Amino acid sequence: MTIEQDIRSNPPCQPRACAIQGCLTRNGFDEGKCTKFVDSLYECCQAFYANNGDHARSASCPKADLLRLRIEQRREPK
């Protein structure tokens, strides 16, 4: 699916959130093996908020301010 399709899903970005759950299940809940899926969800959520404003809600996305914080934290070296 494209990002546009995922934004229009109900709830928005749910296919990408489900992909994270599937990856975690397959990999013994090792988030390190699922980073591309987390990045993909965050990309979708960013587009969702860009289209709908920071006060929009999706059960699949963290609130806009928390999303930005998580993205920033992922960029920091560990």
Protein backbone atom coordinates (compact mmCIF):
# COMPACT_ATOMS: atom_id res chain seq x y z
CA MET A 1 0.00 0.00 0.00
CA THR A 2 1.05 3.57 -0.53
CA ILE A 3 1.29 6.16 2.21
CA GLU A 4 -1.84 7.84 0.80
CA GLN A 5 -3.78 4.58 1.12
CA ASP A 6 -2.46 3.99 4.63
CA ILE A 7 -3.49 7.50 5.71
CA ARG A 8 -7.02 6.81 4.43
CA SER A 9 -7.27 3.45 6.23
CA ASN A 10 -9.52 3.22 9.26
CA PRO A 11 -7.92 4.06 11.61
CA PRO A 12 -5.26 6.00 9.72
CA CYS A 13 -1.89 4.21 9.47
CA GLN A 14 -3.27 0.96 10.90
CA PRO A 15 -1.67 -1.28 8.24
CA ARG A 16 1.75 0.00 9.28
CA ALA A 17 1.03 -0.46 12.98
CA CYS A 18 -0.09 -4.03 12.27
CA ALA A 19 3.15 -4.64 10.34
CA ILE A 20 5.11 -3.70 13.49
CA GLN A 21 3.12 -6.18 15.56
CA GLY A 22 3.71 -8.92 13.01
CA CYS A 23 7.43 -8.21 12.92
CA LEU A 24 7.69 -8.20 16.71
CA THR A 25 5.83 -11.49 16.95
CA ARG A 26 8.07 -13.12 14.34
CA ASN A 27 11.21 -11.84 16.04
CA GLY A 28 10.56 -12.58 19.69
CA PHE A 29 9.59 -8.97 20.41
CA ASP A 30 13.08 -7.70 19.54
CA GLU A 31 12.31 -4.13 18.45
CA GLY A 32 15.81 -3.79 17.01
CA LYS A 33 14.80 -6.19 14.24
CA CYS A 34 11.71 -4.13 13.38
CA THR A 35 13.07 -0.59 13.08
CA LYS A 36 12.12 -0.25 9.41
CA PHE A 37 8.49 -0.96 10.36
CA VAL A 38 8.56 1.60 13.17
CA ASP A 39 10.11 4.16 10.81
CA SER A 40 7.39 3.38 8.27
CA LEU A 41 4.62 3.95 10.84
CA TYR A 42 6.19 7.23 11.94
CA GLU A 43 6.42 8.33 8.30
CA CYS A 44 2.71 7.60 7.87
CA CYS A 45 1.81 9.39 11.09
CA GLN A 46 3.83 12.46 10.08
CA ALA A 47 1.92 12.60 6.79
CA PHE A 48 -1.38 12.07 8.65
CA TYR A 49 -0.69 15.05 10.92
CA ALA A 50 0.57 17.17 8.01
CA ASN A 51 -2.74 16.55 6.23
CA ASN A 52 -5.05 16.82 9.24
CA GLY A 53 -3.31 19.02 11.80
CA ASP A 54 -1.68 18.22 15.13
CA HIS A 55 -5.03 17.80 16.89
CA ALA A 56 -6.20 14.97 14.63
CA ARG A 57 -6.42 11.52 16.24
CA SER A 58 -5.58 8.04 15.06
CA ALA A 59 -5.47 4.99 17.31
CA SER A 60 -2.40 3.87 15.35
CA CYS A 61 -0.36 7.05 15.84
CA PRO A 62 1.14 8.65 18.92
CA LYS A 63 -0.02 12.23 19.51
CA ALA A 64 1.79 14.69 17.23
CA ASP A 65 4.10 16.14 19.89
CA LEU A 66 5.03 12.68 21.17
CA LEU A 67 5.61 11.48 17.60
CA ARG A 68 8.08 14.32 16.97
CA LEU A 69 9.87 13.51 20.24
CA ARG A 70 10.14 9.81 19.37
CA ILE A 71 11.47 10.61 15.90
CA GLU A 72 14.07 12.92 17.41
CA GLN A 73 15.08 10.29 19.96
CA ARG A 74 15.52 7.71 17.20
CA ARG A 75 17.95 10.06 15.43
CA GLU A 76 20.16 10.45 18.50
CA PRO A 77 23.20 8.20 18.65
CA LYS A 78 22.94 5.49 21.29
